[in-house]
């Protein structure tokens, strides 16, 4: 069996709804927004004239929104004076600008010059967290807690998802150690529970959550963590019931409602949409909420709500590219291709760009507008020269998908003129030529791939299978497939190829073993056709029919089983 690797359309239907990147994590405490005050009172400490002039120039620059200049002056003076007020101001400007490295350096000066200052410790912990330094962030939050401030333990734990297992385990030990010192602290109980949740230790996490709720009955973060854990334990009914009851008590808590809506998307889309509708009223300027509402409405085929929501995103200049993508999908689904093209062309680089490009090319090719398709690809290659090779592959595969094989050959050959050693382009053209029953150019391209990459499993398997399927040079086919199988022993496509080779060699029992393994690993119509044929030849016709029926259920349109039935004069 030859395993093609077509470019797949990414549905991403609930990406913004379910992803942790969408909504503010329900397990975190919202970080305060930082914006520099328009003017700072010059400290009473006596400074040289040069310092005072630099600070004044920084404030004037800040008032004119020239924040780069303001930050540069403050950073320079913080380094020279080590003054806590100047370092504080520099930290705030750096954070406002999103310059985390500068914020870290300035917060470090601030903490060193004012080691017990709660704001300094808070900013140092937050900046370390934003840079992914979770253990350092924890240590400054621990110091902040010792000074009577509000630590960031929940935020830090929620941000630990990107850590490796070892780093997260070390961070968990830090939490456990601090929890032993302060066993009733709400943030530590919830934060430790979040880390245990990330490690898959749901029962331990639930125990801490229950302790937190017992000690702090009104703890929203603990309640949200409990709901998350119930969801992961496949107890959604309990999770949604608890959250609905909490929302009756705290109807204005948006973090709680977001998590409730997110869990509902798994089993009650109508209710999920209703919750996102409420959230959109509570948080009218939140683009993530609007996007989630639009996606859920689209999944429910509530096209009126979906279209209105995506258009509102455009009006508010929020998630513009994604809104265009979904409006393009809706237009395409209703066969309004000119409208779809307009929207797809406005999808910028990001999560939806590839899917929009594939859809756009699909429309052009279906309409036989090959000139527009080629012009669009040329523009993209000029815009993204490092993706030029992949764009040739995408263009060629789109043409193959709609059976414009001559045009596809032209595009792939043009690509190989520019990228002569591209194994992706060679493989795409080889599969095209195989589809056109042109063995010589197919074999030539596959052999060139193997010459360039002797361990290229896809090329080894494809050439070996083609030779076996055509019942030609079976010894060479065995050599190719044996090497491919040794490189990738659990690959169902290669097991199928080896089984088919053994069938051609007359080794039916050995063929049956390979094909059963292939079908168990990845049941599909083509493997079903091969396995059924072996069973038929071995006299087990009832089992053969059962396997073929299964294959047709998997892919009713696949021609392989029907061709096999015709060739064997079999019936179901």
Protein backbone atom coordinates (compact mmCIF):
# COMPACT_ATOMS: atom_id res chain seq x y z
CA UNK A 1 0.00 0.00 0.00
CA UNK A 2 1.31 3.44 -0.93
CA UNK A 3 0.76 5.97 1.83
CA UNK A 4 0.09 9.39 0.29
CA UNK A 5 0.34 12.41 2.53
CA UNK A 6 -2.19 14.95 1.20
CA UNK A 7 -2.41 18.40 2.68
CA UNK A 8 -5.35 18.29 5.07
CA UNK A 9 -7.75 21.10 5.74
CA UNK A 10 -7.55 22.10 9.37
CA UNK A 11 -11.08 22.29 10.77
CA UNK A 12 -10.03 24.21 13.88
CA UNK A 13 -13.72 24.40 14.58
CA UNK A 14 -13.44 24.67 18.32
CA UNK A 15 -9.81 25.73 18.56
CA UNK A 16 -10.53 29.09 20.18
CA UNK A 17 -13.21 27.61 22.40
CA UNK A 18 -11.24 24.69 23.83
CA UNK A 19 -7.66 25.91 23.64
CA UNK A 20 -6.00 27.28 26.72
CA UNK A 21 -4.78 30.12 24.51
CA UNK A 22 -8.31 31.34 23.94
CA UNK A 23 -9.63 32.51 27.19
CA UNK A 24 -7.94 33.62 30.33
CA UNK A 25 -7.06 30.48 32.22
CA UNK A 26 -9.76 29.74 34.72
CA UNK A 27 -7.14 28.71 37.25
CA UNK A 28 -5.30 32.00 37.29
CA UNK A 29 -5.61 35.30 39.01
CA UNK A 30 -5.79 38.09 36.47
CA UNK A 31 -2.55 40.07 36.28
CA UNK A 32 -3.01 43.79 36.69
CA UNK A 33 -2.71 45.82 33.51
CA UNK A 34 0.27 48.13 33.61
CA UNK A 35 0.27 51.54 32.01
CA UNK A 36 2.74 54.23 32.96
CA UNK A 37 1.39 57.26 34.72
CA UNK A 38 1.78 60.34 32.54
CA UNK A 39 4.25 61.91 34.93
CA UNK A 40 6.41 60.86 37.86
CA UNK A 41 7.40 63.06 40.74
CA UNK A 42 11.17 63.40 40.64
CA UNK A 43 12.55 61.70 43.77
CA UNK A 44 13.64 63.89 46.63
CA UNK A 45 17.07 62.29 46.58
CA UNK A 46 19.70 64.64 45.19
CA UNK A 47 20.76 63.58 41.68
CA UNK A 48 23.33 65.05 39.33
CA UNK A 49 21.98 67.50 36.80
CA UNK A 50 22.62 65.02 34.00
CA UNK A 51 20.39 62.45 35.70
CA UNK A 52 17.58 64.94 36.28
CA UNK A 53 17.78 66.09 32.68
CA UNK A 54 17.63 62.50 31.42
CA UNK A 55 14.58 61.73 33.58
CA UNK A 56 12.81 64.88 32.45
CA UNK A 57 13.54 64.03 28.82
CA UNK A 58 12.14 60.54 29.44
CA UNK A 59 8.91 61.94 30.86
CA UNK A 60 8.49 64.32 27.93
CA UNK A 61 9.08 61.42 25.53
CA UNK A 62 6.52 59.33 27.42
CA UNK A 63 3.92 62.10 27.23
CA UNK A 64 4.46 62.08 23.46
CA UNK A 65 4.13 58.27 23.40
CA UNK A 66 7.79 57.90 22.45
CA UNK A 67 8.12 54.98 24.86
CA UNK A 68 11.33 53.58 23.37
CA UNK A 69 13.17 56.78 24.22
CA UNK A 70 11.53 57.00 27.64
CA UNK A 71 12.49 53.43 28.46
CA UNK A 72 16.05 53.87 27.22
CA UNK A 73 16.60 56.88 29.50
CA UNK A 74 15.04 55.23 32.52
CA UNK A 75 17.01 52.01 32.04
CA UNK A 76 20.25 53.96 31.77
CA UNK A 77 19.51 55.97 34.92
CA UNK A 78 18.32 52.92 36.88
CA UNK A 79 21.61 51.19 36.09
CA UNK A 80 23.63 54.21 37.14
CA UNK A 81 21.71 55.29 40.26
CA UNK A 82 20.24 51.94 41.49
CA UNK A 83 17.36 54.08 42.77
CA UNK A 84 14.18 52.08 43.56
CA UNK A 85 11.77 54.72 42.26
CA UNK A 86 13.59 55.01 38.95
CA UNK A 87 13.83 51.23 38.67
CA UNK A 88 10.10 51.00 39.43
CA UNK A 89 9.27 53.48 36.68
CA UNK A 90 11.55 51.66 34.21
CA UNK A 91 9.93 48.33 35.09
CA UNK A 92 6.44 49.67 34.47
CA UNK A 93 7.36 51.19 31.12
CA UNK A 94 9.13 47.99 30.03
CA UNK A 95 6.14 45.86 30.98
CA UNK A 96 3.75 48.22 29.21
CA UNK A 97 5.87 47.85 26.07
CA UNK A 98 6.08 44.07 26.44
CA UNK A 99 9.85 44.21 26.79
CA UNK A 100 10.19 41.41 29.31
CA UNK A 101 13.98 41.27 29.29
CA UNK A 102 14.24 44.95 30.18
CA UNK A 103 11.46 44.51 32.74
CA UNK A 104 13.40 41.66 34.35
CA UNK A 105 16.60 43.69 34.63
CA UNK A 106 14.79 46.71 36.04
CA UNK A 107 12.71 44.64 38.47
CA UNK A 108 15.93 43.01 39.66
CA UNK A 109 17.40 46.44 40.45
CA UNK A 110 14.13 47.42 42.13
CA UNK A 111 14.10 44.33 44.34
CA UNK A 112 17.77 44.68 45.24
CA UNK A 113 17.31 48.31 46.24
CA UNK A 114 14.00 47.68 48.06
CA UNK A 115 14.02 43.96 49.03
CA UNK A 116 10.82 44.09 51.12
CA UNK A 117 8.78 46.19 48.70
CA UNK A 118 5.66 44.21 47.77
CA UNK A 119 5.23 45.88 44.38
CA UNK A 120 8.84 45.12 43.53
CA UNK A 121 8.44 41.45 44.48
CA UNK A 122 5.16 41.21 42.59
CA UNK A 123 6.66 42.63 39.41
CA UNK A 124 9.74 40.45 39.71
CA UNK A 125 7.63 37.32 40.14
CA UNK A 126 5.34 38.27 37.26
CA UNK A 127 8.21 39.04 34.89
CA UNK A 128 9.99 35.80 35.70
CA UNK A 129 6.73 33.99 35.02
CA UNK A 130 6.22 35.71 31.66
CA UNK A 131 9.73 34.60 30.67
CA UNK A 132 8.95 31.00 31.62
CA UNK A 133 11.23 31.02 34.68
CA UNK A 134 8.65 29.36 36.89
CA UNK A 135 10.81 28.32 39.83
CA UNK A 136 12.32 31.80 40.06
CA UNK A 137 8.81 33.29 39.82
CA UNK A 138 7.71 30.98 42.63
CA UNK A 139 10.60 32.03 44.86
CA UNK A 140 9.74 35.74 44.52
CA UNK A 141 6.08 34.96 45.17
CA UNK A 142 7.13 33.05 48.28
CA UNK A 143 9.05 36.10 49.46
CA UNK A 144 6.05 38.26 48.61
CA UNK A 145 3.81 36.04 50.71
CA UNK A 146 6.25 36.27 53.62
CA UNK A 147 5.97 40.06 53.37
CA UNK A 148 2.19 39.87 53.57
CA UNK A 149 1.53 40.41 49.86
CA UNK A 150 -0.71 38.49 47.45
CA UNK A 151 1.44 35.84 45.71
CA UNK A 152 1.01 34.57 42.15
CA UNK A 153 1.02 30.85 42.94
CA UNK A 154 -2.04 30.06 40.81
CA UNK A 155 -0.76 32.00 37.80
CA UNK A 156 2.64 30.33 38.02
CA UNK A 157 1.15 26.85 38.27
CA UNK A 158 -1.22 27.51 35.35
CA UNK A 159 1.75 28.68 33.26
CA UNK A 160 3.73 25.51 33.96
CA UNK A 161 2.07 23.57 31.14
CA UNK A 162 4.99 24.42 28.84
CA UNK A 163 7.55 22.95 31.24
CA UNK A 164 9.13 19.56 30.74
CA UNK A 165 8.21 16.78 33.14
CA UNK A 166 11.41 17.16 35.14
CA UNK A 167 11.09 20.94 35.53
CA UNK A 168 7.44 20.63 36.51
CA UNK A 169 8.29 17.97 39.08
CA UNK A 170 10.89 20.30 40.62
CA UNK A 171 8.38 23.14 40.70
CA UNK A 172 5.84 20.84 42.34
CA UNK A 173 8.35 20.08 45.09
CA UNK A 174 8.69 23.83 45.71
CA UNK A 175 4.93 24.07 46.09
CA UNK A 176 4.74 21.06 48.38
CA UNK A 177 7.48 22.50 50.56
CA UNK A 178 5.71 25.86 50.91
CA UNK A 179 2.37 24.11 51.45
CA UNK A 180 3.87 22.31 54.44
CA UNK A 181 4.68 25.72 55.89
CA UNK A 182 1.24 27.16 55.08
CA UNK A 183 -1.11 24.17 54.80
CA UNK A 184 -4.31 26.24 54.67
CA UNK A 185 -3.29 28.78 52.05
CA UNK A 186 -5.85 28.91 49.25
CA UNK A 187 -3.45 29.83 46.46
CA UNK A 188 -0.97 27.12 47.44
CA UNK A 189 -3.66 24.47 47.64
CA UNK A 190 -5.08 25.39 44.23
CA UNK A 191 -1.65 25.93 42.64
CA UNK A 192 -0.38 22.56 43.86
CA UNK A 193 -3.60 20.97 42.59
CA UNK A 194 -3.07 22.52 39.16
CA UNK A 195 0.45 21.09 38.95
CA UNK A 196 -0.80 17.64 39.99
CA UNK A 197 -3.52 17.95 37.36
CA UNK A 198 -0.88 18.71 34.70
CA UNK A 199 0.96 15.53 35.71
CA UNK A 200 -2.22 13.47 35.37
CA UNK A 201 -2.53 12.87 39.12
CA UNK A 202 -6.19 13.72 39.18
CA UNK A 203 -7.11 11.99 42.44
CA UNK A 204 -4.35 13.77 44.38
CA UNK A 205 -5.34 17.06 42.79
CA UNK A 206 -8.99 16.46 43.70
CA UNK A 207 -8.06 15.80 47.34
CA UNK A 208 -6.31 19.18 47.55
CA UNK A 209 -9.24 20.84 45.79
CA UNK A 210 -11.69 19.42 48.31
CA UNK A 211 -9.45 20.62 51.15
CA UNK A 212 -9.34 24.10 49.61
CA UNK A 213 -13.12 24.18 49.26
CA UNK A 214 -13.59 22.99 52.83
CA UNK A 215 -11.26 25.69 54.18
CA UNK A 216 -12.42 28.36 51.69
CA UNK A 217 -16.03 27.54 50.70
CA UNK A 218 -16.32 30.56 48.42
CA UNK A 219 -13.12 29.89 46.48
CA UNK A 220 -13.91 30.32 42.78
CA UNK A 221 -10.45 29.12 41.62
CA UNK A 222 -10.85 25.93 43.65
CA UNK A 223 -14.35 25.40 42.26
CA UNK A 224 -13.10 25.86 38.71
CA UNK A 225 -10.24 23.44 39.29
CA UNK A 226 -12.73 20.92 40.67
CA UNK A 227 -14.84 21.28 37.53
CA UNK A 228 -11.77 20.83 35.31
CA UNK A 229 -10.83 17.67 37.17
CA UNK A 230 -14.37 16.28 36.99
CA UNK A 231 -14.32 16.94 33.24
CA UNK A 232 -11.00 15.12 32.84
CA UNK A 233 -12.40 12.24 34.89
CA UNK A 234 -15.32 12.03 32.40
CA UNK A 235 -17.78 13.30 35.00
CA UNK A 236 -19.12 16.24 33.02
CA UNK A 237 -22.61 16.09 34.48
CA UNK A 238 -21.23 16.65 37.97
CA UNK A 239 -18.94 19.41 36.71
CA UNK A 240 -21.68 21.35 34.94
CA UNK A 241 -24.14 20.91 37.81
CA UNK A 242 -21.64 22.32 40.31
CA UNK A 243 -20.75 25.21 38.04
CA UNK A 244 -24.38 26.04 37.31
CA UNK A 245 -25.06 26.17 41.05
CA UNK A 246 -22.05 28.44 41.57
CA UNK A 247 -23.18 30.73 38.77
CA UNK A 248 -26.50 31.13 40.55
CA UNK A 249 -24.49 32.55 43.47
CA UNK A 250 -21.91 34.45 41.40
CA UNK A 251 -23.59 35.34 38.07
CA UNK A 252 -21.07 38.10 37.30
CA UNK A 253 -17.98 35.89 37.65
CA UNK A 254 -16.78 35.68 34.05
CA UNK A 255 -13.94 33.21 34.72
CA UNK A 256 -16.47 30.77 36.16
CA UNK A 257 -18.85 31.23 33.26
CA UNK A 258 -16.07 30.82 30.70
CA UNK A 259 -15.08 27.48 32.16
CA UNK A 260 -18.71 26.40 32.33
CA UNK A 261 -19.20 27.29 28.67
CA UNK A 262 -16.00 25.51 27.68
CA UNK A 263 -17.07 22.25 29.36
CA UNK A 264 -20.54 22.50 27.83
CA UNK A 265 -19.01 22.52 24.32
CA UNK A 266 -18.22 18.83 24.80
CA UNK A 267 -21.83 17.70 25.14
CA UNK A 268 -24.34 20.56 24.97
CA UNK A 269 -23.52 23.04 22.24
CA UNK A 270 -26.84 24.85 22.55
CA UNK A 271 -26.21 25.65 26.21
CA UNK A 272 -22.58 26.49 25.44
CA UNK A 273 -23.73 29.06 22.88
CA UNK A 274 -26.11 30.57 25.41
CA UNK A 275 -23.28 30.94 27.94
CA UNK A 276 -20.98 32.58 25.39
CA UNK A 277 -23.83 34.91 24.46
CA UNK A 278 -24.10 35.98 28.11
CA UNK A 279 -20.32 36.39 28.29
CA UNK A 280 -20.35 38.56 25.18
CA UNK A 281 -22.75 40.92 26.97
CA UNK A 282 -20.68 40.85 30.16
CA UNK A 283 -17.39 41.38 28.28
CA UNK A 284 -18.38 43.28 25.12
CA UNK A 285 -14.82 44.19 24.17
CA UNK A 286 -13.37 40.69 24.55
CA UNK A 287 -12.53 39.39 21.08
CA UNK A 288 -11.86 35.84 22.29
CA UNK A 289 -15.38 35.56 23.69
CA UNK A 290 -16.93 36.84 20.47
CA UNK A 291 -14.83 34.46 18.41
CA UNK A 292 -15.85 31.52 20.60
CA UNK A 293 -19.51 32.50 20.25
CA UNK A 294 -19.17 32.63 16.46
CA UNK A 295 -17.42 29.25 16.24
CA UNK A 296 -19.94 27.52 18.51
CA UNK A 297 -22.82 29.03 16.53
CA UNK A 298 -21.21 27.84 13.29
CA UNK A 299 -20.82 24.33 14.69
CA UNK A 300 -24.52 24.39 15.54
CA UNK A 301 -25.30 25.58 11.99
CA UNK A 302 -26.73 28.77 13.45
CA UNK A 303 -25.36 30.68 10.48
CA UNK A 304 -27.24 33.88 11.25
CA UNK A 305 -25.61 34.25 14.69
CA UNK A 306 -22.24 33.08 13.37
CA UNK A 307 -22.19 35.56 10.49
CA UNK A 308 -23.31 38.44 12.69
CA UNK A 309 -20.63 37.61 15.27
CA UNK A 310 -17.79 37.32 12.75
CA UNK A 311 -18.87 40.57 11.10
CA UNK A 312 -18.92 42.23 14.52
CA UNK A 313 -15.32 41.10 14.99
CA UNK A 314 -14.42 42.79 11.72
CA UNK A 315 -16.24 45.97 12.75
CA UNK A 316 -14.33 46.04 16.03
CA UNK A 317 -11.00 45.16 14.40
CA UNK A 318 -10.68 42.04 16.58
CA UNK A 319 -9.40 38.67 15.28
CA UNK A 320 -9.80 40.11 11.79
CA UNK A 321 -7.93 37.37 9.95
CA UNK A 322 -9.80 34.54 11.69
CA UNK A 323 -13.15 36.24 11.15
CA UNK A 324 -12.41 36.50 7.42
CA UNK A 325 -11.47 32.82 7.37
CA UNK A 326 -14.76 31.68 8.89
CA UNK A 327 -16.80 34.06 6.75
CA UNK A 328 -14.97 32.58 3.77
CA UNK A 329 -15.88 29.06 4.87
CA UNK A 330 -19.52 30.06 5.25
CA UNK A 331 -19.60 31.67 1.81
CA UNK A 332 -17.92 28.63 0.26
CA UNK A 333 -20.41 26.28 1.93
CA UNK A 334 -23.26 28.24 0.35
CA UNK A 335 -21.48 28.20 -3.04
CA UNK A 336 -20.97 31.95 -3.00
CA UNK A 337 -17.48 31.56 -4.39
CA UNK A 338 -16.77 35.24 -5.24
CA UNK A 339 -17.58 36.18 -1.63
CA UNK A 340 -15.47 33.29 -0.32
CA UNK A 341 -12.50 34.40 -2.43
CA UNK A 342 -12.76 37.96 -1.09
CA UNK A 343 -12.62 36.71 2.51
CA UNK A 344 -9.92 34.08 1.98
CA UNK A 345 -7.65 36.63 0.33
CA UNK A 346 -7.81 38.73 3.51
CA UNK A 347 -6.64 35.93 5.82
CA UNK A 348 -3.18 36.89 7.00
CA UNK A 349 -0.37 34.68 8.26
CA UNK A 350 -1.34 32.72 11.33
CA UNK A 351 -3.32 29.63 12.32
CA UNK A 352 -5.83 29.90 9.48
CA UNK A 353 -3.54 30.97 6.64
CA UNK A 354 -2.75 27.51 5.27
CA UNK A 355 -6.37 26.36 5.42
CA UNK A 356 -7.50 29.56 3.71
CA UNK A 357 -4.87 29.10 1.00
CA UNK A 358 -5.91 25.49 0.40
CA UNK A 359 -9.58 26.48 0.22
CA UNK A 360 -8.81 29.35 -2.13
CA UNK A 361 -6.84 27.08 -4.45
CA UNK A 362 -9.62 24.52 -4.28
CA UNK A 363 -12.13 27.10 -5.49
CA UNK A 364 -9.89 28.28 -8.33
CA UNK A 365 -9.25 24.72 -9.55
CA UNK A 366 -12.88 23.62 -9.26
CA UNK A 367 -13.80 26.59 -11.43
CA UNK A 368 -10.97 25.70 -13.83
CA UNK A 369 -9.50 29.13 -13.23
CA UNK A 370 -5.94 27.87 -13.56
CA UNK A 371 -4.58 31.33 -14.35
CA UNK A 372 -5.82 32.77 -11.03
CA UNK A 373 -4.51 29.74 -9.20
CA UNK A 374 -1.05 30.11 -10.71
CA UNK A 375 -1.00 33.87 -10.16
CA UNK A 376 -1.94 33.45 -6.52
CA UNK A 377 0.79 30.87 -5.98
CA UNK A 378 3.33 33.14 -7.68
CA UNK A 379 2.37 36.00 -5.35
CA UNK A 380 2.73 33.75 -2.32
CA UNK A 381 6.13 32.51 -3.47
CA UNK A 382 7.32 36.10 -3.79
CA UNK A 383 5.90 36.89 -0.36
CA UNK A 384 7.19 33.73 1.32
CA UNK A 385 10.25 32.59 -0.65
CA UNK A 386 11.26 30.09 2.05
CA UNK A 387 7.91 28.30 1.50
CA UNK A 388 8.19 28.21 -2.27
CA UNK A 389 8.85 24.47 -2.46
CA UNK A 390 5.87 23.61 -0.25
CA UNK A 391 3.63 25.91 -2.30
CA UNK A 392 4.48 24.00 -5.48
CA UNK A 393 3.49 20.78 -3.69
CA UNK A 394 0.22 22.30 -2.46
CA UNK A 395 -0.61 23.60 -5.94
CA UNK A 396 0.15 20.26 -7.55
CA UNK A 397 -1.83 18.22 -5.01
CA UNK A 398 -4.86 20.48 -5.40
CA UNK A 399 -4.85 19.83 -9.14
CA UNK A 400 -4.44 16.08 -8.57
CA UNK A 401 -7.36 16.12 -6.11
CA UNK A 402 -9.65 17.37 -8.89
CA UNK A 403 -8.10 15.07 -11.51
CA UNK A 404 -6.35 17.75 -13.54
CA UNK A 405 -3.33 15.53 -13.94
CA UNK A 406 -1.67 17.19 -16.94
CA UNK A 407 -1.79 20.58 -15.22
CA UNK A 408 -0.48 19.03 -12.01
CA UNK A 409 2.46 17.50 -13.86
CA UNK A 410 3.29 20.92 -15.30
CA UNK A 411 3.26 22.58 -11.86
CA UNK A 412 5.33 19.87 -10.15
CA UNK A 413 7.85 19.78 -12.99
CA UNK A 414 8.19 23.56 -12.80
CA UNK A 415 8.84 23.20 -9.09
CA UNK A 416 11.54 20.61 -9.72
CA UNK A 417 13.18 22.98 -12.21
CA UNK A 418 13.69 25.34 -9.26
CA UNK A 419 14.20 22.66 -6.57
CA UNK A 420 15.83 19.77 -8.37
CA UNK A 421 16.63 17.78 -5.21
CA UNK A 422 13.30 18.30 -3.46
CA UNK A 423 12.17 14.89 -2.24
CA UNK A 424 8.69 16.27 -1.54
CA UNK A 425 8.24 17.39 -5.13
CA UNK A 426 9.78 14.20 -6.51
CA UNK A 427 7.46 12.07 -4.40
CA UNK A 428 4.40 14.11 -5.39
CA UNK A 429 5.27 13.73 -9.07
CA UNK A 430 5.98 10.02 -8.64
CA UNK A 431 2.52 9.47 -7.12
CA UNK A 432 0.98 11.49 -9.94
CA UNK A 433 2.74 9.39 -12.59
CA UNK A 434 1.76 6.20 -10.81
CA UNK A 435 -1.87 7.36 -10.91
CA UNK A 436 -1.40 7.91 -14.66
CA UNK A 437 -0.03 4.34 -15.03
CA UNK A 438 3.37 5.69 -16.14
CA UNK A 439 5.76 3.27 -14.47
CA UNK A 440 9.06 4.50 -15.95
CA UNK A 441 8.87 8.14 -14.72
CA UNK A 442 7.36 6.95 -11.42
CA UNK A 443 10.28 4.62 -10.83
CA UNK A 444 12.78 7.26 -11.94
CA UNK A 445 11.57 9.82 -9.40
CA UNK A 446 11.37 7.28 -6.57
CA UNK A 447 14.88 6.03 -7.29
CA UNK A 448 16.17 9.60 -7.28
CA UNK A 449 14.63 10.06 -3.82
CA UNK A 450 16.30 6.86 -2.59
CA UNK A 451 19.60 8.02 -4.05
CA UNK A 452 19.25 11.34 -2.20
CA UNK A 453 17.88 9.74 0.99
CA UNK A 454 18.64 6.00 1.16
CA UNK A 455 16.46 5.59 4.25
CA UNK A 456 13.42 7.40 2.90
CA UNK A 457 10.72 4.98 4.05
CA UNK A 458 7.94 6.44 1.88
CA UNK A 459 9.98 6.02 -1.32
CA UNK A 460 11.21 2.52 -0.39
CA UNK A 461 7.68 1.37 0.40
CA UNK A 462 6.12 3.00 -2.64
CA UNK A 463 8.57 1.54 -5.15
CA UNK A 464 8.44 -1.86 -3.47
CA UNK A 465 4.65 -1.90 -3.51
CA UNK A 466 4.40 -0.72 -7.13
CA UNK A 467 6.69 -3.52 -8.28
CA UNK A 468 4.72 -6.10 -6.25
CA UNK A 469 1.35 -4.79 -7.45
CA UNK A 470 2.52 -5.03 -11.08
CA UNK A 471 4.02 -8.46 -10.37
CA UNK A 472 7.40 -7.30 -11.64
CA UNK A 473 10.93 -7.81 -10.23
CA UNK A 474 9.60 -9.33 -7.01
CA UNK A 475 13.07 -10.02 -5.58
CA UNK A 476 13.87 -6.30 -5.81
CA UNK A 477 10.47 -5.50 -4.30
CA UNK A 478 11.28 -7.79 -1.35
CA UNK A 479 14.62 -6.01 -0.83
CA UNK A 480 13.00 -2.57 -0.84
CA UNK A 481 10.13 -3.54 1.44
CA UNK A 482 12.35 -5.44 3.87
CA UNK A 483 14.46 -2.34 4.33
CA UNK A 484 11.39 -0.14 4.74
CA UNK A 485 9.92 -2.54 7.31
CA UNK A 486 13.17 -2.64 9.26
CA UNK A 487 13.18 1.17 9.40
CA UNK A 488 9.50 1.43 10.35
CA UNK A 489 8.26 -1.94 11.65
CA UNK A 490 4.89 -0.70 12.92
CA UNK A 491 3.85 1.15 9.77
CA UNK A 492 0.56 -0.32 8.54
CA UNK A 493 1.17 0.78 4.93
CA UNK A 494 4.47 -1.12 4.81
CA UNK A 495 2.96 -4.20 6.46
CA UNK A 496 0.23 -4.12 3.81
CA UNK A 497 2.85 -3.83 1.03
CA UNK A 498 4.81 -6.78 2.41
CA UNK A 499 1.63 -8.81 2.70
CA UNK A 500 0.75 -8.03 -0.90
CA UNK A 501 4.24 -9.02 -2.02
CA UNK A 502 3.95 -12.36 -0.21
CA UNK A 503 0.61 -12.89 -1.91
CA UNK A 504 2.25 -12.31 -5.30
CA UNK A 505 4.95 -14.82 -4.33
CA UNK A 506 2.28 -17.38 -3.45
CA UNK A 507 3.06 -17.33 0.28
CA UNK A 508 -0.56 -16.99 1.35
CA UNK A 509 -0.12 -17.85 5.03
CA UNK A 510 2.70 -15.34 5.49
CA UNK A 511 0.73 -12.78 3.49
CA UNK A 512 -2.28 -13.28 5.75
CA UNK A 513 -0.19 -12.55 8.87
CA UNK A 514 1.15 -9.27 7.48
CA UNK A 515 -2.25 -8.12 6.24
CA UNK A 516 -4.06 -8.95 9.48
CA UNK A 517 -1.45 -6.91 11.37
CA UNK A 518 -1.81 -4.03 8.92
CA UNK A 519 -5.59 -4.04 9.17
CA UNK A 520 -5.50 -4.15 12.96
CA UNK A 521 -3.07 -1.22 13.05
CA UNK A 522 -4.92 0.98 10.55
CA UNK A 523 -8.16 -0.37 9.14
CA UNK A 524 -8.88 1.22 5.77
CA UNK A 525 -10.51 0.26 2.50
CA UNK A 526 -7.34 -0.62 0.57
CA UNK A 527 -5.97 -2.92 3.26
CA UNK A 528 -9.47 -4.38 3.58
CA UNK A 529 -9.43 -5.18 -0.15
CA UNK A 530 -6.07 -6.96 0.12
CA UNK A 531 -6.93 -8.88 3.29
CA UNK A 532 -10.29 -9.94 1.87
CA UNK A 533 -8.63 -11.22 -1.31
CA UNK A 534 -6.16 -13.37 0.66
CA UNK A 535 -9.02 -14.81 2.76
CA UNK A 536 -11.02 -15.48 -0.41
CA UNK A 537 -8.10 -17.32 -2.01
CA UNK A 538 -7.66 -19.36 1.19
CA UNK A 539 -11.30 -20.42 0.99
CA UNK A 540 -12.60 -18.35 3.93
CA UNK A 541 -15.14 -16.51 1.81
CA UNK A 542 -17.54 -15.52 4.60
CA UNK A 543 -14.71 -13.80 6.48
CA UNK A 544 -13.55 -12.17 3.25
CA UNK A 545 -17.03 -10.74 2.67
CA UNK A 546 -17.18 -9.48 6.27
CA UNK A 547 -13.83 -7.67 5.87
CA UNK A 548 -14.91 -6.14 2.55
CA UNK A 549 -18.18 -4.91 4.07
CA UNK A 550 -16.21 -3.32 6.90
CA UNK A 551 -13.93 -1.63 4.37
CA UNK A 552 -16.87 -0.20 2.45
CA UNK A 553 -18.30 1.21 5.68
CA UNK A 554 -14.97 2.94 6.33
CA UNK A 555 -14.85 4.48 2.86
CA UNK A 556 -17.87 3.79 0.62
CA UNK A 557 -16.28 5.68 -2.30
CA UNK A 558 -12.97 3.80 -2.38
CA UNK A 559 -12.75 1.90 -5.70
CA UNK A 560 -10.27 -0.77 -4.54
CA UNK A 561 -12.79 -3.18 -3.00
CA UNK A 562 -15.18 -2.89 -5.97
CA UNK A 563 -12.33 -3.61 -8.38
CA UNK A 564 -11.33 -6.62 -6.28
CA UNK A 565 -14.90 -7.97 -6.24
CA UNK A 566 -15.16 -7.60 -10.03
CA UNK A 567 -11.80 -9.25 -10.63
CA UNK A 568 -12.58 -12.21 -8.35
CA UNK A 569 -16.20 -12.40 -9.59
CA UNK A 570 -17.19 -12.25 -5.91
CA UNK A 571 -20.25 -10.75 -4.30
CA UNK A 572 -21.12 -9.48 -0.87
